[in-house]
Amino acid sequence: PEKIARDTAVKQLRARIRETGARLRVISEREKKAEEMARARAEKTAAPKMKKTKKTAEADAGGNVSKRQQKKQKKKAEKQGKK
């Protein structure tokens, strides 16, 4: 048994078996990932699309005015107050 384990041909065969096992593991992982991606893509296409764009959603919210817009409104209000 010890001589067989030391034999170079046996060592080469075992190394090839390990390499093949590693290759098969990588292939199965890639297949699994491809299936998950296909499933996610199918779910994404099946989901209803959002019709509102970012700007219209902000306009509906009303309270989310940018600082620049707030400054413009404040300046406009001050200008009207002086007249």
Protein backbone atom coordinates (compact mmCIF):
# COMPACT_ATOMS: atom_id res chain seq x y z
CA PRO A 1 0.00 0.00 0.00
CA GLU A 2 2.81 2.46 0.81
CA LYS A 3 4.66 1.74 -2.42
CA ILE A 4 1.49 2.31 -4.41
CA ALA A 5 0.91 5.68 -2.76
CA ARG A 6 4.49 6.74 -3.62
CA ASP A 7 4.30 5.61 -7.24
CA THR A 8 4.55 8.55 -9.66
CA ALA A 9 1.83 7.22 -11.97
CA VAL A 10 -0.61 6.98 -9.07
CA LYS A 11 0.32 10.49 -7.92
CA GLN A 12 -0.29 11.82 -11.43
CA LEU A 13 -3.66 10.08 -11.63
CA ARG A 14 -4.71 11.50 -8.27
CA ALA A 15 -3.61 14.98 -9.32
CA ARG A 16 -5.64 14.69 -12.53
CA ILE A 17 -8.66 13.55 -10.52
CA ARG A 18 -8.32 16.61 -8.24
CA GLU A 19 -7.98 18.94 -11.25
CA THR A 20 -11.01 17.41 -12.93
CA GLY A 21 -13.03 17.71 -9.74
CA ALA A 22 -12.11 21.38 -9.47
CA ARG A 23 -13.10 21.98 -13.10
CA LEU A 24 -16.44 20.26 -12.61
CA ARG A 25 -17.11 22.34 -9.49
CA VAL A 26 -16.43 25.55 -11.40
CA ILE A 27 -18.68 24.45 -14.27
CA SER A 28 -21.54 23.61 -11.90
CA GLU A 29 -21.13 26.95 -10.09
CA ARG A 30 -21.28 28.81 -13.41
CA GLU A 31 -24.41 26.90 -14.45
CA LYS A 32 -26.05 27.68 -11.11
CA LYS A 33 -25.18 31.37 -11.46
CA ALA A 34 -26.55 31.42 -15.02
CA GLU A 35 -29.82 29.89 -13.79
CA GLU A 36 -30.09 32.50 -11.03
CA MET A 37 -29.43 35.32 -13.49
CA ALA A 38 -32.06 33.94 -15.89
CA ARG A 39 -34.57 33.68 -13.03
CA ALA A 40 -33.83 37.26 -11.93
CA ARG A 41 -34.16 38.49 -15.52
CA ALA A 42 -37.51 36.72 -15.85
CA GLU A 43 -38.75 38.28 -12.60
CA LYS A 44 -37.61 41.71 -13.73
CA THR A 45 -39.43 41.46 -17.05
CA ALA A 46 -42.57 40.13 -15.35
CA ALA A 47 -42.68 42.99 -12.83
CA PRO A 48 -44.79 46.03 -13.77
CA LYS A 49 -42.74 49.01 -14.87
CA MET A 50 -42.77 52.25 -12.92
CA LYS A 51 -44.33 54.97 -15.06
CA LYS A 52 -43.24 57.98 -13.01
CA THR A 53 -39.84 59.43 -13.67
CA LYS A 54 -37.64 60.81 -10.98
CA LYS A 55 -38.58 64.43 -11.60
CA THR A 56 -42.34 63.82 -11.63
CA ALA A 57 -42.09 61.84 -8.41
CA GLU A 58 -40.29 64.74 -6.75
CA ALA A 59 -42.86 67.21 -8.06
CA ASP A 60 -45.66 65.12 -6.58
CA ALA A 61 -43.90 65.00 -3.22
CA GLY A 62 -43.68 68.80 -3.10
CA GLY A 63 -41.63 68.96 0.09
CA ASN A 64 -38.44 67.80 -1.57
CA VAL A 65 -37.27 71.05 -3.10
CA SER A 66 -33.56 71.40 -3.77
CA LYS A 67 -31.56 74.02 -1.92
CA ARG A 68 -31.03 75.90 -5.15
CA GLN A 69 -34.77 76.06 -5.77
CA GLN A 70 -35.38 77.12 -2.16
CA LYS A 71 -32.86 79.93 -2.57
CA LYS A 72 -34.53 81.05 -5.81
CA GLN A 73 -37.95 81.07 -4.17
CA LYS A 74 -36.63 83.01 -1.18
CA LYS A 75 -34.97 85.59 -3.43
CA LYS A 76 -38.15 85.93 -5.51
CA ALA A 77 -40.25 86.40 -2.36
CA GLU A 78 -37.87 89.09 -1.06
CA LYS A 79 -38.00 90.87 -4.41
CA GLN A 80 -41.80 90.86 -4.39
CA GLY A 81 -41.85 92.05 -0.78
CA LYS A 82 -39.83 95.16 -1.65
CA LYS A 83 -42.24 96.20 -4.42
